[in-house]
Amino acid sequence: MTKRISLPRTVRGKRPGFFETPGVDDALSMVLILAQEIAVLRERLDSAERVIAKHGIPLAEEIEALPLDTDLLESREQWRQDYYERLFYLAKQRRAELEQKHSEDSYRDVLDKVARGDI
């Protein structure tokens, strides 16, 4: 399996917030991503069931009997990891912003201010 290249996707600047409670906007974003995925999944499953029914194939039994080889399992795991990346995107971005904000330099600045009596 070829290694996928992942480029950082960050947006600079303040993002809009709709709720005062911290984390609610992030949770809402995650719920909307999940809802989008479920809607797409439901539509595709409905389409597959209709197509297969026209051919007289017992879909449920075929799915239960499907052999899960290594390639299939790796493919599913890659999809799952990509999905989690999208789902937790905002949380990861906020963490990265906090890590940049609380860097070694900012730590030293605080120590200097304390030493000078500014804090």
N, C-alpha and C. Protein backbone atom coordinates (compact mmCIF):
# COMPACT_ATOMS: atom_id res chain seq x y z
N MET A 1 0.84 -1.17 0.00
CA MET A 1 0.00 0.00 0.00
C MET A 1 0.90 1.24 0.00
N THR A 2 0.64 2.20 -0.85
CA THR A 2 1.47 3.39 -0.94
C THR A 2 1.18 4.33 0.23
N LYS A 3 2.23 5.02 0.66
CA LYS A 3 2.11 5.97 1.77
C LYS A 3 1.42 7.23 1.28
N ARG A 4 0.38 7.65 1.98
CA ARG A 4 -0.32 8.87 1.61
C ARG A 4 0.39 10.08 2.16
N ILE A 5 0.45 11.13 1.37
CA ILE A 5 1.07 12.37 1.80
C ILE A 5 -0.01 13.23 2.43
N SER A 6 0.27 13.73 3.63
CA SER A 6 -0.68 14.56 4.34
C SER A 6 -0.11 15.95 4.52
N LEU A 7 -0.77 16.94 3.95
CA LEU A 7 -0.35 18.32 4.08
C LEU A 7 -1.18 18.99 5.17
N PRO A 8 -0.57 19.88 5.96
CA PRO A 8 -1.33 20.56 7.01
C PRO A 8 -2.40 21.46 6.40
N ARG A 9 -3.58 21.40 6.96
CA ARG A 9 -4.68 22.25 6.51
C ARG A 9 -5.10 23.12 7.70
N THR A 10 -4.62 24.32 7.73
CA THR A 10 -5.00 25.22 8.80
C THR A 10 -5.46 26.53 8.22
N VAL A 11 -6.34 27.17 8.95
CA VAL A 11 -6.86 28.46 8.55
C VAL A 11 -6.43 29.45 9.62
N ARG A 12 -5.87 30.54 9.20
CA ARG A 12 -5.42 31.55 10.16
C ARG A 12 -6.57 32.50 10.46
N GLY A 13 -6.50 33.11 11.62
CA GLY A 13 -7.51 34.08 12.00
C GLY A 13 -8.57 33.45 12.88
N LYS A 14 -9.39 34.31 13.45
CA LYS A 14 -10.44 33.86 14.36
C LYS A 14 -11.59 33.26 13.57
N ARG A 15 -12.01 32.08 13.96
CA ARG A 15 -13.14 31.45 13.30
C ARG A 15 -14.42 31.88 14.01
N PRO A 16 -15.52 31.93 13.30
CA PRO A 16 -16.76 32.38 13.93
C PRO A 16 -17.23 31.39 14.99
N GLY A 17 -17.82 31.91 16.03
CA GLY A 17 -18.39 31.08 17.08
C GLY A 17 -19.86 31.42 17.24
N PHE A 18 -20.68 30.43 17.50
CA PHE A 18 -22.10 30.65 17.64
C PHE A 18 -22.59 30.46 19.07
N PHE A 19 -21.83 29.71 19.87
CA PHE A 19 -22.23 29.41 21.23
C PHE A 19 -21.17 29.95 22.19
N GLU A 20 -21.62 30.40 23.36
CA GLU A 20 -20.70 30.96 24.34
C GLU A 20 -19.89 29.88 25.05
N THR A 21 -20.48 28.73 25.27
CA THR A 21 -19.81 27.66 26.00
C THR A 21 -18.68 27.08 25.15
N PRO A 22 -17.46 27.05 25.71
CA PRO A 22 -16.33 26.49 24.94
C PRO A 22 -16.58 25.04 24.54
N GLY A 23 -16.23 24.71 23.32
CA GLY A 23 -16.34 23.34 22.84
C GLY A 23 -17.65 23.01 22.16
N VAL A 24 -18.69 23.80 22.38
CA VAL A 24 -19.99 23.48 21.78
C VAL A 24 -19.93 23.62 20.26
N ASP A 25 -19.26 24.66 19.78
CA ASP A 25 -19.12 24.82 18.32
C ASP A 25 -18.37 23.64 17.71
N ASP A 26 -17.33 23.17 18.40
CA ASP A 26 -16.58 22.03 17.90
C ASP A 26 -17.44 20.77 17.90
N ALA A 27 -18.20 20.57 18.97
CA ALA A 27 -19.08 19.40 19.05
C ALA A 27 -20.14 19.45 17.95
N LEU A 28 -20.69 20.64 17.70
CA LEU A 28 -21.68 20.78 16.64
C LEU A 28 -21.07 20.46 15.29
N SER A 29 -19.85 20.91 15.05
CA SER A 29 -19.17 20.60 13.80
C SER A 29 -19.00 19.09 13.64
N MET A 30 -18.62 18.41 14.70
CA MET A 30 -18.44 16.96 14.64
C MET A 30 -19.76 16.27 14.35
N VAL A 31 -20.83 16.72 15.00
CA VAL A 31 -22.14 16.11 14.78
C VAL A 31 -22.59 16.30 13.33
N LEU A 32 -22.34 17.49 12.78
CA LEU A 32 -22.72 17.74 11.39
C LEU A 32 -21.92 16.88 10.43
N ILE A 33 -20.64 16.67 10.70
CA ILE A 33 -19.83 15.79 9.86
C ILE A 33 -20.37 14.37 9.92
N LEU A 34 -20.70 13.91 11.12
CA LEU A 34 -21.27 12.57 11.28
C LEU A 34 -22.61 12.46 10.54
N ALA A 35 -23.45 13.47 10.66
CA ALA A 35 -24.74 13.45 9.98
C ALA A 35 -24.55 13.39 8.46
N GLN A 36 -23.59 14.14 7.95
CA GLN A 36 -23.31 14.13 6.51
C GLN A 36 -22.88 12.73 6.06
N GLU A 37 -21.99 12.12 6.81
CA GLU A 37 -21.53 10.78 6.46
C GLU A 37 -22.67 9.76 6.51
N ILE A 38 -23.51 9.86 7.51
CA ILE A 38 -24.64 8.92 7.62
C ILE A 38 -25.60 9.10 6.46
N ALA A 39 -25.86 10.34 6.08
CA ALA A 39 -26.78 10.59 4.95
C ALA A 39 -26.23 9.99 3.66
N VAL A 40 -24.94 10.21 3.41
CA VAL A 40 -24.32 9.65 2.20
C VAL A 40 -24.34 8.13 2.25
N LEU A 41 -24.00 7.58 3.38
CA LEU A 41 -23.99 6.13 3.55
C LEU A 41 -25.38 5.54 3.31
N ARG A 42 -26.39 6.17 3.86
CA ARG A 42 -27.76 5.68 3.70
C ARG A 42 -28.19 5.71 2.23
N GLU A 43 -27.87 6.79 1.53
CA GLU A 43 -28.22 6.88 0.11
C GLU A 43 -27.52 5.81 -0.71
N ARG A 44 -26.25 5.60 -0.44
CA ARG A 44 -25.50 4.59 -1.20
C ARG A 44 -26.01 3.18 -0.89
N LEU A 45 -26.30 2.92 0.37
CA LEU A 45 -26.82 1.62 0.74
C LEU A 45 -28.18 1.37 0.09
N ASP A 46 -29.02 2.38 0.08
CA ASP A 46 -30.32 2.26 -0.57
C ASP A 46 -30.15 1.95 -2.06
N SER A 47 -29.23 2.68 -2.71
CA SER A 47 -28.98 2.44 -4.13
C SER A 47 -28.48 1.02 -4.36
N ALA A 48 -27.53 0.58 -3.54
CA ALA A 48 -26.98 -0.77 -3.69
C ALA A 48 -28.06 -1.82 -3.49
N GLU A 49 -28.89 -1.64 -2.48
CA GLU A 49 -29.96 -2.62 -2.23
C GLU A 49 -30.92 -2.69 -3.41
N ARG A 50 -31.24 -1.57 -4.01
CA ARG A 50 -32.17 -1.56 -5.15
C ARG A 50 -31.56 -2.24 -6.38
N VAL A 51 -30.29 -1.93 -6.65
CA VAL A 51 -29.62 -2.54 -7.80
C VAL A 51 -29.50 -4.05 -7.61
N ILE A 52 -29.08 -4.45 -6.45
CA ILE A 52 -28.86 -5.88 -6.19
C ILE A 52 -30.18 -6.64 -6.18
N ALA A 53 -31.21 -6.03 -5.66
CA ALA A 53 -32.52 -6.70 -5.62
C ALA A 53 -33.01 -7.01 -7.04
N LYS A 54 -32.69 -6.13 -7.99
CA LYS A 54 -33.08 -6.38 -9.38
C LYS A 54 -32.43 -7.64 -9.94
N HIS A 55 -31.29 -8.02 -9.39
CA HIS A 55 -30.57 -9.19 -9.85
C HIS A 55 -30.84 -10.43 -9.00
N GLY A 56 -31.72 -10.30 -8.03
CA GLY A 56 -32.11 -11.45 -7.21
C GLY A 56 -31.02 -11.96 -6.27
N ILE A 57 -30.11 -11.11 -5.88
CA ILE A 57 -29.02 -11.53 -4.99
C ILE A 57 -29.41 -11.27 -3.53
N PRO A 58 -29.25 -12.27 -2.67
CA PRO A 58 -29.56 -12.07 -1.24
C PRO A 58 -28.45 -11.27 -0.56
N LEU A 59 -28.59 -9.98 -0.51
CA LEU A 59 -27.53 -9.08 -0.07
C LEU A 59 -27.07 -9.34 1.37
N ALA A 60 -27.99 -9.47 2.30
CA ALA A 60 -27.61 -9.64 3.71
C ALA A 60 -26.74 -10.88 3.91
N GLU A 61 -27.12 -11.98 3.30
CA GLU A 61 -26.35 -13.22 3.45
C GLU A 61 -24.97 -13.09 2.80
N GLU A 62 -24.90 -12.40 1.66
CA GLU A 62 -23.63 -12.20 0.98
C GLU A 62 -22.68 -11.34 1.83
N ILE A 63 -23.23 -10.33 2.46
CA ILE A 63 -22.41 -9.47 3.31
C ILE A 63 -21.86 -10.26 4.49
N GLU A 64 -22.70 -11.06 5.12
CA GLU A 64 -22.25 -11.86 6.26
C GLU A 64 -21.17 -12.86 5.87
N ALA A 65 -21.21 -13.34 4.63
CA ALA A 65 -20.26 -14.35 4.17
C ALA A 65 -19.00 -13.75 3.54
N LEU A 66 -18.91 -12.43 3.43
CA LEU A 66 -17.78 -11.78 2.77
C LEU A 66 -16.48 -12.06 3.51
N PRO A 67 -15.47 -12.62 2.81
CA PRO A 67 -14.18 -12.84 3.47
C PRO A 67 -13.43 -11.51 3.63
N LEU A 68 -12.89 -11.29 4.80
CA LEU A 68 -12.19 -10.03 5.09
C LEU A 68 -10.68 -10.28 5.03
N ASP A 69 -10.09 -10.06 3.86
CA ASP A 69 -8.65 -10.27 3.71
C ASP A 69 -7.88 -9.03 4.17
N THR A 70 -6.57 -9.14 4.17
CA THR A 70 -5.71 -8.08 4.68
C THR A 70 -5.88 -6.78 3.90
N ASP A 71 -5.96 -6.87 2.57
CA ASP A 71 -6.12 -5.65 1.76
C ASP A 71 -7.41 -4.92 2.11
N LEU A 72 -8.48 -5.67 2.27
CA LEU A 72 -9.76 -5.05 2.61
C LEU A 72 -9.70 -4.40 3.99
N LEU A 73 -9.12 -5.09 4.95
CA LEU A 73 -9.02 -4.54 6.30
C LEU A 73 -8.14 -3.29 6.33
N GLU A 74 -7.03 -3.30 5.58
CA GLU A 74 -6.17 -2.11 5.51
C GLU A 74 -6.88 -0.95 4.84
N SER A 75 -7.62 -1.23 3.80
CA SER A 75 -8.38 -0.19 3.11
C SER A 75 -9.41 0.43 4.03
N ARG A 76 -10.11 -0.40 4.77
CA ARG A 76 -11.11 0.11 5.71
C ARG A 76 -10.46 0.93 6.82
N GLU A 77 -9.32 0.48 7.30
CA GLU A 77 -8.62 1.22 8.35
C GLU A 77 -8.16 2.57 7.84
N GLN A 78 -7.67 2.63 6.60
CA GLN A 78 -7.25 3.92 6.04
C GLN A 78 -8.44 4.86 5.93
N TRP A 79 -9.57 4.36 5.48
CA TRP A 79 -10.78 5.19 5.40
C TRP A 79 -11.15 5.70 6.79
N ARG A 80 -11.10 4.81 7.78
CA ARG A 80 -11.46 5.19 9.14
C ARG A 80 -10.55 6.29 9.67
N GLN A 81 -9.25 6.18 9.42
CA GLN A 81 -8.32 7.20 9.89
C GLN A 81 -8.56 8.54 9.19
N ASP A 82 -8.84 8.51 7.89
CA ASP A 82 -9.17 9.74 7.16
C ASP A 82 -10.45 10.37 7.72
N TYR A 83 -11.39 9.53 8.04
CA TYR A 83 -12.67 9.99 8.60
C TYR A 83 -12.44 10.66 9.95
N TYR A 84 -11.63 10.04 10.80
CA TYR A 84 -11.34 10.64 12.10
C TYR A 84 -10.59 11.96 11.95
N GLU A 85 -9.73 12.05 10.96
CA GLU A 85 -9.03 13.31 10.69
C GLU A 85 -10.04 14.42 10.41
N ARG A 86 -11.03 14.13 9.59
CA ARG A 86 -12.06 15.13 9.30
C ARG A 86 -12.90 15.43 10.53
N LEU A 87 -13.23 14.40 11.28
CA LEU A 87 -14.10 14.55 12.44
C LEU A 87 -13.45 15.40 13.53
N PHE A 88 -12.17 15.17 13.79
CA PHE A 88 -11.48 15.86 14.87
C PHE A 88 -10.62 17.02 14.37
N TYR A 89 -10.88 17.48 13.16
CA TYR A 89 -10.08 18.53 12.54
C TYR A 89 -10.01 19.79 13.41
N LEU A 90 -11.16 20.29 13.84
CA LEU A 90 -11.17 21.53 14.61
C LEU A 90 -10.46 21.37 15.95
N ALA A 91 -10.68 20.25 16.61
CA ALA A 91 -10.03 20.02 17.90
C ALA A 91 -8.50 19.98 17.72
N LYS A 92 -8.03 19.33 16.67
CA LYS A 92 -6.59 19.28 16.41
C LYS A 92 -6.04 20.66 16.09
N GLN A 93 -6.81 21.44 15.33
CA GLN A 93 -6.35 22.78 14.97
C GLN A 93 -6.29 23.67 16.21
N ARG A 94 -7.30 23.59 17.07
CA ARG A 94 -7.29 24.38 18.30
C ARG A 94 -6.09 23.99 19.18
N ARG A 95 -5.82 22.71 19.26
CA ARG A 95 -4.69 22.25 20.06
C ARG A 95 -3.38 22.80 19.51
N ALA A 96 -3.24 22.75 18.18
CA ALA A 96 -2.02 23.27 17.55
C ALA A 96 -1.87 24.77 17.84
N GLU A 97 -2.99 25.50 17.79
CA GLU A 97 -2.94 26.93 18.08
C GLU A 97 -2.51 27.17 19.52
N LEU A 98 -3.04 26.38 20.44
CA LEU A 98 -2.66 26.52 21.85
C LEU A 98 -1.19 26.17 22.06
N GLU A 99 -0.72 25.13 21.37
CA GLU A 99 0.68 24.76 21.51
C GLU A 99 1.60 25.86 20.99
N GLN A 100 1.20 26.52 19.92
CA GLN A 100 2.00 27.63 19.40
C GLN A 100 1.97 28.81 20.36
N LYS A 101 0.78 29.04 20.94
CA LYS A 101 0.61 30.16 21.86
C LYS A 101 1.43 29.94 23.13
N HIS A 102 1.49 28.71 23.59
CA HIS A 102 2.21 28.38 24.81
C HIS A 102 3.52 27.68 24.46
N SER A 103 4.38 28.41 23.83
CA SER A 103 5.66 27.85 23.37
C SER A 103 6.73 28.09 24.44
N GLU A 104 7.90 27.61 24.15
CA GLU A 104 9.05 27.83 25.03
C GLU A 104 9.31 29.32 25.20
N ASP A 105 9.17 30.09 24.11
CA ASP A 105 9.40 31.53 24.18
C ASP A 105 8.38 32.22 25.09
N SER A 106 7.12 31.85 24.95
CA SER A 106 6.11 32.48 25.80
C SER A 106 6.33 32.12 27.27
N TYR A 107 6.79 30.90 27.52
CA TYR A 107 7.10 30.46 28.87
C TYR A 107 8.23 31.31 29.45
N ARG A 108 9.27 31.51 28.66
CA ARG A 108 10.40 32.34 29.10
C ARG A 108 9.97 33.79 29.33
N ASP A 109 9.09 34.31 28.49
CA ASP A 109 8.59 35.67 28.67
C ASP A 109 7.87 35.82 30.01
N VAL A 110 7.06 34.84 30.37
CA VAL A 110 6.36 34.87 31.64
C VAL A 110 7.35 34.84 32.79
N LEU A 111 8.35 33.97 32.69
CA LEU A 111 9.37 33.91 33.75
C LEU A 111 10.10 35.25 33.89
N ASP A 112 10.41 35.87 32.77
CA ASP A 112 11.07 37.17 32.81
C ASP A 112 10.19 38.23 33.48
N LYS A 113 8.90 38.22 33.16
CA LYS A 113 7.96 39.18 33.76
C LYS A 113 7.85 38.95 35.27
N VAL A 114 7.81 37.70 35.67
CA VAL A 114 7.74 37.38 37.10
C VAL A 114 9.02 37.85 37.79
N ALA A 115 10.16 37.59 37.18
CA ALA A 115 11.45 38.00 37.75
C ALA A 115 11.53 39.51 37.88
N ARG A 116 10.97 40.26 36.94
CA ARG A 116 11.00 41.72 37.00
C ARG A 116 9.93 42.28 37.93
N GLY A 117 8.99 41.42 38.34
CA GLY A 117 7.90 41.90 39.20
C GLY A 117 6.73 42.49 38.43
N ASP A 118 6.69 42.26 37.12
CA ASP A 118 5.58 42.77 36.31
C ASP A 118 4.30 41.97 36.51
N ILE A 119 4.45 40.78 37.02
CA ILE A 119 3.28 39.93 37.24
C ILE A 119 3.14 39.65 38.71
